[in-house]
């Protein structure tokens, strides 16, 4: 055990002997992946609209109740607003070519209409509640909120849906408090909530953010884990064997198995630590994303409970162990370092494919997917972010990946010792 620890410590010290190498393995991949996730919304917006930044929501005839709602509501501030009177809007829409061009670039229009020329939007709503409170069974309102957007633009379509869900529906629910008058308290006392309730806000943000993160985080971690694992395996096994250093190391009083175990343990520690740093950066990226763009891959509020976090964290070293076993097996099966490098890079295509499949799939994982090595970790992490993981999922994934890793190592070392 002491000799395994000596090899382990030696490999760790060798890694930290160069700050460039440390930065390349620990921080560079994580920073690159997090940067790409944050650039993605801007890239999609540019491809869809020709502009990097989203267009503001053009609000026509904004009633005082809506302006008040925006000032008091955190979610509504995720959007920028361009307020126009009806005359200003008609003057702008008169130039049809410019109007259509702005729609194609992602402009959203929110138009408030009272349905009556003699009343404002707020007056129409207040009148409706007055009629209801006076027991007028035929009370009705002609007030309408129109949302206009370019249905052929993915960005416009998505932002319009987000604006409707996040702002308009909640605003409609608040109208009774703003304009309901006596009707809001008939037969009971008005139920009041705190202006800011951290518990409900936290849960609302977490639900949205974790559902989005479940499509992204698992795939990002898998790509990073494999990239770092195969880089270290090439350095600690293939390169040392190619330089003849491995043969010299084997001649020392330390047995071949202990040398290998020490290196494998070092790889697992380094990759696990690097993946945890990436996980922390992903969480920070989410919590710093206060604008909550409609195309954001990591919306504001991503969070895991302690037991969920433990499932994700423990999944990393178990999966890394299996990845290491596969890479080491390939190194011992081939001798040309160029062939080893090419063959070890090929699985990255699989992980990239799995990443995009996870992003765009609209169904839950099937039972059989939990029995597919490595892929089952991606699904387990994804379901954990959705708080839909089950105890048997965790048990199957952990035992299957561990068992397969030890089986591959045993077979590989047995063949290596028989040479």
Protein backbone atom coordinates (compact mmCIF):
# COMPACT_ATOMS: atom_id res chain seq x y z
CA UNK A 1 0.00 0.00 0.00
CA UNK A 2 2.89 2.35 0.83
CA UNK A 3 4.43 1.79 -2.60
CA UNK A 4 1.11 2.53 -4.33
CA UNK A 5 0.90 5.75 -2.30
CA UNK A 6 4.47 6.65 -3.35
CA UNK A 7 3.60 6.28 -7.05
CA UNK A 8 0.36 8.20 -6.47
CA UNK A 9 2.07 11.13 -4.73
CA UNK A 10 4.83 11.20 -7.33
CA UNK A 11 2.32 11.48 -10.18
CA UNK A 12 0.37 14.22 -8.40
CA UNK A 13 3.54 16.21 -7.71
CA UNK A 14 4.63 15.78 -11.32
CA UNK A 15 1.34 17.31 -12.45
CA UNK A 16 1.68 20.34 -10.17
CA UNK A 17 5.34 20.88 -11.04
CA UNK A 18 4.28 23.02 -14.01
CA UNK A 19 1.60 25.68 -13.60
CA UNK A 20 0.87 25.57 -17.34
CA UNK A 21 0.13 21.88 -17.19
CA UNK A 22 -1.99 22.33 -14.08
CA UNK A 23 -3.96 25.14 -15.72
CA UNK A 24 -4.43 23.10 -18.91
CA UNK A 25 -5.83 20.10 -17.07
CA UNK A 26 -7.86 21.73 -14.29
CA UNK A 27 -9.10 25.09 -15.47
CA UNK A 28 -8.74 25.48 -19.23
CA UNK A 29 -11.31 22.81 -20.26
CA UNK A 30 -13.77 23.99 -17.60
CA UNK A 31 -13.44 27.66 -18.59
CA UNK A 32 -13.77 26.79 -22.27
CA UNK A 33 -16.92 24.71 -21.76
CA UNK A 34 -18.58 27.28 -19.49
CA UNK A 35 -17.70 30.06 -21.94
CA UNK A 36 -19.22 28.08 -24.82
CA UNK A 37 -22.43 27.54 -22.86
CA UNK A 38 -22.73 31.28 -22.26
CA UNK A 39 -21.83 32.21 -25.83
CA UNK A 40 -24.40 29.76 -27.24
CA UNK A 41 -27.45 32.05 -26.69
CA UNK A 42 -25.65 34.92 -28.44
CA UNK A 43 -24.66 32.63 -31.33
CA UNK A 44 -28.22 31.34 -31.79
CA UNK A 45 -29.57 34.88 -31.59
CA UNK A 46 -27.10 36.03 -34.24
CA UNK A 47 -27.90 33.09 -36.55
CA UNK A 48 -31.65 33.74 -36.18
CA UNK A 49 -31.77 37.53 -36.23
CA UNK A 50 -28.43 38.83 -37.48
CA UNK A 51 -27.78 40.63 -34.17
CA UNK A 52 -25.92 39.50 -31.08
CA UNK A 53 -28.17 40.99 -28.44
CA UNK A 54 -31.91 40.43 -28.07
CA UNK A 55 -34.30 43.16 -29.14
CA UNK A 56 -36.39 44.80 -26.40
CA UNK A 57 -40.08 44.13 -26.00
CA UNK A 58 -42.05 46.97 -27.63
CA UNK A 59 -44.95 47.81 -25.32
CA UNK A 60 -47.81 49.80 -26.87
CA UNK A 61 -50.29 51.71 -24.67
CA UNK A 62 -48.69 50.42 -21.47
CA UNK A 63 -51.20 50.91 -18.62
CA UNK A 64 -50.06 52.20 -15.24
CA UNK A 65 -50.76 48.78 -13.68
CA UNK A 66 -48.27 47.11 -16.06
CA UNK A 67 -45.57 49.69 -15.40
CA UNK A 68 -46.12 49.21 -11.67
CA UNK A 69 -45.95 45.44 -12.10
CA UNK A 70 -42.60 45.67 -13.91
CA UNK A 71 -41.15 47.89 -11.19
CA UNK A 72 -42.24 45.50 -8.43
CA UNK A 73 -41.54 42.10 -10.05
CA UNK A 74 -38.09 40.56 -10.38
CA UNK A 75 -38.99 38.15 -13.20
CA UNK A 76 -40.36 40.97 -15.37
CA UNK A 77 -37.01 42.75 -15.22
CA UNK A 78 -35.40 39.93 -17.20
CA UNK A 79 -36.69 41.73 -20.31
CA UNK A 80 -35.88 45.18 -21.65
CA UNK A 81 -38.81 47.37 -22.68
CA UNK A 82 -39.39 50.04 -25.31
CA UNK A 83 -42.59 51.92 -24.46
CA UNK A 84 -44.56 53.54 -27.29
CA UNK A 85 -47.85 55.37 -27.50
CA UNK A 86 -50.38 54.16 -30.05
CA UNK A 87 -49.55 57.04 -32.41
CA UNK A 88 -45.82 56.30 -32.17
CA UNK A 89 -46.48 52.63 -32.86
CA UNK A 90 -48.62 53.32 -35.94
CA UNK A 91 -45.99 55.72 -37.27
CA UNK A 92 -43.35 53.04 -36.81
CA UNK A 93 -45.51 50.30 -38.38
CA UNK A 94 -46.28 52.52 -41.40
CA UNK A 95 -42.79 51.74 -42.70
CA UNK A 96 -43.63 48.10 -43.51
CA UNK A 97 -40.17 47.11 -44.72
CA UNK A 98 -38.47 48.35 -41.53
CA UNK A 99 -41.25 46.91 -39.40
CA UNK A 100 -40.84 43.43 -40.93
CA UNK A 101 -37.07 43.68 -40.68
CA UNK A 102 -37.28 44.40 -36.95
CA UNK A 103 -39.64 41.45 -36.47
CA UNK A 104 -37.18 39.16 -38.26
CA UNK A 105 -34.45 40.43 -35.92
CA UNK A 106 -36.42 39.28 -32.88
CA UNK A 107 -38.65 42.20 -31.94
CA UNK A 108 -41.66 41.31 -29.75
CA UNK A 109 -44.73 43.54 -29.52
CA UNK A 110 -46.99 43.69 -26.47
CA UNK A 111 -50.13 45.69 -27.36
CA UNK A 112 -52.68 46.71 -24.71
CA UNK A 113 -56.20 47.44 -25.94
CA UNK A 114 -59.19 48.39 -23.80
CA UNK A 115 -61.61 47.62 -26.65
CA UNK A 116 -63.27 50.98 -26.07
CA UNK A 117 -62.03 54.36 -27.28
CA UNK A 118 -63.49 56.11 -24.25
CA UNK A 119 -61.58 54.08 -21.65
CA UNK A 120 -58.01 53.14 -20.88
CA UNK A 121 -57.00 49.54 -20.25
CA UNK A 122 -56.94 49.98 -16.46
CA UNK A 123 -60.32 51.74 -16.47
CA UNK A 124 -61.86 48.87 -18.45
CA UNK A 125 -60.54 46.26 -16.00
CA UNK A 126 -61.65 48.32 -12.95
CA UNK A 127 -65.11 48.74 -14.46
CA UNK A 128 -65.34 44.98 -15.01
CA UNK A 129 -64.55 44.24 -11.35
CA UNK A 130 -67.06 46.89 -10.21
CA UNK A 131 -69.75 45.15 -12.29
CA UNK A 132 -68.83 41.78 -10.82
CA UNK A 133 -68.86 43.10 -7.24
CA UNK A 134 -72.35 44.54 -7.82
CA UNK A 135 -73.50 41.00 -8.78
CA UNK A 136 -73.90 41.81 -12.47
CA UNK A 137 -74.05 38.31 -13.98
CA UNK A 138 -73.58 39.72 -17.48
CA UNK A 139 -70.36 41.56 -16.63
CA UNK A 140 -67.74 41.36 -19.39
CA UNK A 141 -64.57 43.09 -20.43
CA UNK A 142 -63.23 43.92 -23.88
CA UNK A 143 -59.68 44.48 -22.65
CA UNK A 144 -57.14 42.41 -24.60
CA UNK A 145 -53.37 41.95 -24.51
CA UNK A 146 -51.86 41.09 -27.90
CA UNK A 147 -48.38 39.61 -28.30
CA UNK A 148 -46.86 39.96 -31.76
CA UNK A 149 -43.72 38.23 -33.04
CA UNK A 150 -42.21 36.61 -36.12
CA UNK A 151 -43.41 33.00 -36.06
CA UNK A 152 -40.67 32.02 -38.55
CA UNK A 153 -37.91 33.10 -36.16
CA UNK A 154 -36.88 30.55 -33.55
CA UNK A 155 -35.56 33.26 -31.23
CA UNK A 156 -38.67 35.45 -31.54
CA UNK A 157 -40.95 32.47 -31.00
CA UNK A 158 -39.06 31.30 -27.92
CA UNK A 159 -38.77 34.76 -26.39
CA UNK A 160 -42.48 35.43 -26.99
CA UNK A 161 -43.44 32.21 -25.21
CA UNK A 162 -41.08 33.01 -22.35
CA UNK A 163 -42.47 36.56 -22.10
CA UNK A 164 -46.03 35.24 -22.01
CA UNK A 165 -45.27 32.60 -19.35
CA UNK A 166 -42.97 34.73 -17.19
CA UNK A 167 -44.60 38.16 -17.40
CA UNK A 168 -48.09 38.32 -18.94
CA UNK A 169 -49.72 35.41 -17.10
CA UNK A 170 -48.43 36.57 -13.74
CA UNK A 171 -49.45 40.17 -14.52
CA UNK A 172 -52.98 39.02 -15.32
CA UNK A 173 -53.14 37.27 -11.95
CA UNK A 174 -52.05 40.48 -10.21
CA UNK A 175 -54.70 42.66 -11.87
CA UNK A 176 -57.29 41.79 -9.21
CA UNK A 177 -54.94 43.17 -6.54
CA UNK A 178 -54.12 46.29 -8.55
CA UNK A 179 -57.58 47.07 -9.94
CA UNK A 180 -60.07 44.74 -8.23
CA UNK A 181 -61.29 47.23 -5.66
CA UNK A 182 -63.99 45.87 -3.34
CA UNK A 183 -64.37 42.65 -5.37
CA UNK A 184 -60.97 41.40 -4.20
CA UNK A 185 -62.08 41.36 -0.55
CA UNK A 186 -65.77 40.32 -0.81
CA UNK A 187 -66.57 37.63 1.75
CA UNK A 188 -63.01 37.36 3.00
CA UNK A 189 -59.88 39.25 3.81
CA UNK A 190 -57.34 39.80 1.09
CA UNK A 191 -54.53 37.26 1.24
CA UNK A 192 -51.25 39.11 1.12
CA UNK A 193 -47.85 37.63 0.38
CA UNK A 194 -44.45 39.08 1.09
CA UNK A 195 -42.98 41.21 -1.66
CA UNK A 196 -40.04 38.81 -1.67
CA UNK A 197 -40.37 35.28 -0.37
CA UNK A 198 -36.94 33.61 -0.69
CA UNK A 199 -38.30 30.08 -0.36
CA UNK A 200 -40.91 30.29 -3.12
CA UNK A 201 -38.60 32.32 -5.36
CA UNK A 202 -35.79 29.83 -4.84
CA UNK A 203 -38.03 26.88 -5.73
CA UNK A 204 -39.43 28.64 -8.81
CA UNK A 205 -35.97 29.50 -10.11
CA UNK A 206 -34.59 26.06 -9.25
CA UNK A 207 -37.37 24.24 -11.12
CA UNK A 208 -36.76 26.13 -14.34
CA UNK A 209 -32.97 26.17 -14.09
CA UNK A 210 -32.55 22.50 -13.15
CA UNK A 211 -34.78 21.29 -15.98
CA UNK A 212 -32.61 23.18 -18.42
CA UNK A 213 -29.38 22.11 -16.69
CA UNK A 214 -30.43 18.45 -16.87
CA UNK A 215 -30.05 18.68 -20.65
CA UNK A 216 -26.62 20.31 -20.51
CA UNK A 217 -24.61 19.62 -17.35
CA UNK A 218 -24.48 15.83 -17.61
CA UNK A 219 -23.18 15.95 -21.20
CA UNK A 220 -20.61 18.64 -20.36
CA UNK A 221 -19.28 16.62 -17.43
CA UNK A 222 -19.01 13.44 -19.52
CA UNK A 223 -17.06 15.21 -22.28
CA UNK A 224 -14.72 16.86 -19.78
CA UNK A 225 -14.18 13.65 -17.79
CA UNK A 226 -13.24 11.64 -20.85
CA UNK A 227 -11.05 14.37 -22.35
CA UNK A 228 -9.04 14.71 -19.13
CA UNK A 229 -8.89 10.94 -18.57
CA UNK A 230 -7.54 10.04 -21.99
CA UNK A 231 -5.03 12.95 -21.85
CA UNK A 232 -3.65 11.66 -18.55
CA UNK A 233 -3.62 8.02 -19.67
CA UNK A 234 -1.60 8.96 -22.74
CA UNK A 235 0.83 10.95 -20.58
CA UNK A 236 1.21 8.43 -17.73
CA UNK A 237 1.09 5.22 -19.74
CA UNK A 238 1.54 5.61 -23.52
CA UNK A 239 4.14 8.43 -23.51
CA UNK A 240 6.20 6.89 -20.71
CA UNK A 241 6.20 3.53 -22.48
CA UNK A 242 7.13 5.20 -25.79
CA UNK A 243 10.09 7.00 -24.13
CA UNK A 244 11.22 3.79 -22.42
CA UNK A 245 10.61 5.26 -18.97
CA UNK A 246 7.94 2.67 -18.12
CA UNK A 247 10.45 -0.17 -18.62
CA UNK A 248 12.87 1.51 -16.21
CA UNK A 249 10.08 2.05 -13.70
CA UNK A 250 9.11 -1.61 -13.82
CA UNK A 251 12.73 -2.57 -12.98
CA UNK A 252 12.41 -0.83 -9.60
CA UNK A 253 11.48 -2.82 -6.44
CA UNK A 254 7.86 -1.75 -6.95
CA UNK A 255 5.68 -4.40 -8.62
CA UNK A 256 4.03 -3.74 -11.98
CA UNK A 257 0.53 -3.86 -10.49
CA UNK A 258 1.35 -1.34 -7.76
CA UNK A 259 2.82 1.05 -10.33
CA UNK A 260 -0.33 0.79 -12.41
CA UNK A 261 -2.65 1.15 -9.41
CA UNK A 262 -0.79 4.24 -8.21
CA UNK A 263 -1.11 5.87 -11.63
CA UNK A 264 -4.78 4.91 -11.96
CA UNK A 265 -5.53 6.33 -8.52
CA UNK A 266 -3.76 9.57 -9.47
CA UNK A 267 -5.75 9.83 -12.71
CA UNK A 268 -9.01 9.29 -10.86
CA UNK A 269 -8.18 11.93 -8.24
CA UNK A 270 -7.12 14.52 -10.83
CA UNK A 271 -10.11 14.01 -13.12
CA UNK A 272 -12.57 13.98 -10.21
CA UNK A 273 -11.13 17.22 -8.85
CA UNK A 274 -11.16 18.83 -12.30
CA UNK A 275 -14.80 17.77 -12.85
CA UNK A 276 -15.84 19.17 -9.47
CA UNK A 277 -14.23 22.50 -10.37
CA UNK A 278 -16.24 22.48 -13.60
CA UNK A 279 -19.40 21.70 -11.65
CA UNK A 280 -18.74 24.67 -9.37
CA UNK A 281 -18.17 26.95 -12.37
CA UNK A 282 -21.42 25.76 -13.93
CA UNK A 283 -23.31 26.61 -10.74
CA UNK A 284 -21.65 30.05 -10.60
CA UNK A 285 -22.47 30.62 -14.25
CA UNK A 286 -26.13 29.91 -13.53
CA UNK A 287 -26.34 32.14 -10.45
CA UNK A 288 -24.62 35.02 -12.25
CA UNK A 289 -27.02 34.75 -15.21
CA UNK A 290 -29.60 37.24 -13.92
CA UNK A 291 -30.90 38.21 -17.39
CA UNK A 292 -32.34 34.70 -18.00
CA UNK A 293 -32.25 34.94 -21.76
CA UNK A 294 -34.80 32.69 -23.49
CA UNK A 295 -31.98 30.77 -25.18
CA UNK A 296 -29.82 30.46 -22.07
CA UNK A 297 -28.56 26.93 -21.47
CA UNK A 298 -27.97 27.63 -17.77
CA UNK A 299 -30.80 29.85 -16.48
CA UNK A 300 -30.61 31.58 -13.13
CA UNK A 301 -31.10 29.46 -9.99
CA UNK A 302 -29.52 26.05 -10.67
CA UNK A 303 -29.23 24.18 -7.36
CA UNK A 304 -28.97 20.65 -5.93
CA UNK A 305 -30.02 19.43 -2.50
CA UNK A 306 -27.24 17.77 -0.43
CA UNK A 307 -28.34 14.21 -1.29
CA UNK A 308 -28.64 15.09 -5.00
CA UNK A 309 -25.21 16.70 -4.95
CA UNK A 310 -23.72 13.57 -3.35
CA UNK A 311 -25.21 11.39 -6.11
CA UNK A 312 -23.61 13.57 -8.79
CA UNK A 313 -20.25 13.86 -7.01
CA UNK A 314 -19.97 10.10 -6.32
CA UNK A 315 -20.94 9.34 -9.92
CA UNK A 316 -17.84 11.14 -11.17
CA UNK A 317 -14.99 8.95 -9.75
CA UNK A 318 -16.91 5.74 -10.50
CA UNK A 319 -17.39 6.71 -14.14
CA UNK A 320 -13.82 8.02 -14.40
CA UNK A 321 -12.57 4.62 -13.16
CA UNK A 322 -14.41 2.89 -16.01
CA UNK A 323 -13.14 5.45 -18.54
CA UNK A 324 -9.60 4.92 -17.26
CA UNK A 325 -9.97 1.14 -17.56
CA UNK A 326 -11.10 1.46 -21.19
CA UNK A 327 -8.26 3.87 -22.05
CA UNK A 328 -5.58 1.79 -20.30
CA UNK A 329 -6.85 -1.34 -22.04
CA UNK A 330 -6.52 0.40 -25.40
CA UNK A 331 -2.99 1.60 -24.57
CA UNK A 332 -1.86 -1.95 -23.77
CA UNK A 333 -3.53 -3.28 -26.94
CA UNK A 334 -1.65 -0.86 -29.24
CA UNK A 335 2.00 0.11 -29.40
CA UNK A 336 2.25 3.08 -31.78
CA UNK A 337 1.53 6.24 -29.81
CA UNK A 338 -0.10 7.89 -32.83
CA UNK A 339 -2.51 4.98 -33.18
CA UNK A 340 -3.26 5.15 -29.46
CA UNK A 341 -3.97 8.90 -29.62
CA UNK A 342 -6.30 8.55 -32.61
CA UNK A 343 -8.20 5.62 -31.11
CA UNK A 344 -8.59 7.32 -27.74
CA UNK A 345 -9.97 10.45 -29.41
CA UNK A 346 -12.68 8.56 -31.28
CA UNK A 347 -14.95 8.08 -28.20
CA UNK A 348 -15.14 11.89 -27.96
CA UNK A 349 -17.42 11.75 -31.00
CA UNK A 350 -19.71 9.42 -29.07
CA UNK A 351 -19.78 11.74 -26.05
CA UNK A 352 -20.49 14.75 -28.28
CA UNK A 353 -23.35 12.84 -29.90
CA UNK A 354 -24.69 11.86 -26.48
CA UNK A 355 -24.47 15.51 -25.40
CA UNK A 356 -26.56 16.80 -28.32
CA UNK A 357 -29.00 13.89 -28.04
CA UNK A 358 -29.56 14.76 -24.39
CA UNK A 359 -30.07 18.44 -25.22
CA UNK A 360 -32.82 17.87 -27.76
CA UNK A 361 -34.52 14.69 -26.57
CA UNK A 362 -38.08 15.14 -25.38
CA UNK A 363 -38.54 11.86 -23.51
CA UNK A 364 -37.40 10.37 -20.22
CA UNK A 365 -34.66 7.68 -20.32
CA UNK A 366 -35.85 4.12 -20.72
CA UNK A 367 -35.04 1.40 -18.18
CA UNK A 368 -32.50 -0.22 -20.50
CA UNK A 369 -30.46 3.00 -20.70
CA UNK A 370 -29.44 2.53 -17.06
CA UNK A 371 -27.71 -0.70 -18.08
CA UNK A 372 -25.53 0.96 -20.77
CA UNK A 373 -22.09 1.64 -19.22
CA UNK A 374 -20.98 5.30 -19.04
CA UNK A 375 -24.18 6.45 -20.81
CA UNK A 376 -26.10 5.48 -17.68
CA UNK A 377 -24.12 8.07 -15.69
CA UNK A 378 -25.25 10.79 -18.08
CA UNK A 379 -28.87 9.77 -17.58
CA UNK A 380 -28.47 9.46 -13.80
CA UNK A 381 -27.02 12.97 -13.48
CA UNK A 382 -29.71 14.33 -15.80
CA UNK A 383 -32.52 12.76 -13.77
CA UNK A 384 -30.90 13.91 -10.51
CA UNK A 385 -31.06 17.53 -11.68
CA UNK A 386 -34.77 17.01 -12.36
CA UNK A 387 -35.17 15.47 -8.86
CA UNK A 388 -36.54 12.34 -10.56
CA UNK A 389 -33.76 9.91 -9.69
CA UNK A 390 -34.62 6.66 -7.94
CA UNK A 391 -32.61 4.54 -5.51
CA UNK A 392 -32.38 1.61 -7.93
CA UNK A 393 -31.03 3.94 -10.64
CA UNK A 394 -28.14 4.90 -8.38
CA UNK A 395 -27.44 1.32 -7.31
CA UNK A 396 -27.50 -0.07 -10.87
CA UNK A 397 -25.28 2.68 -12.29
CA UNK A 398 -22.72 2.50 -9.51
CA UNK A 399 -22.48 -1.31 -9.37
CA UNK A 400 -22.50 -1.82 -13.15
CA UNK A 401 -19.78 0.75 -13.86
CA UNK A 402 -17.62 -0.36 -10.93
CA UNK A 403 -17.97 -4.04 -11.80
CA UNK A 404 -17.14 -3.46 -15.46
CA UNK A 405 -14.14 -1.26 -14.55
CA UNK A 406 -12.62 -3.94 -12.30
CA UNK A 407 -13.31 -6.62 -14.93
CA UNK A 408 -11.53 -4.62 -17.65
CA UNK A 409 -8.57 -3.87 -15.37
CA UNK A 410 -8.26 -7.53 -14.33
CA UNK A 411 -8.33 -8.74 -17.95
CA UNK A 412 -5.87 -6.08 -19.11
CA UNK A 413 -3.32 -6.66 -16.36
CA UNK A 414 -3.56 -10.42 -16.71
CA UNK A 415 -2.70 -10.15 -20.43
CA UNK A 416 0.07 -7.65 -19.70
CA UNK A 417 1.74 -9.86 -17.10
CA UNK A 418 1.59 -12.92 -19.37
CA UNK A 419 3.67 -11.20 -22.07
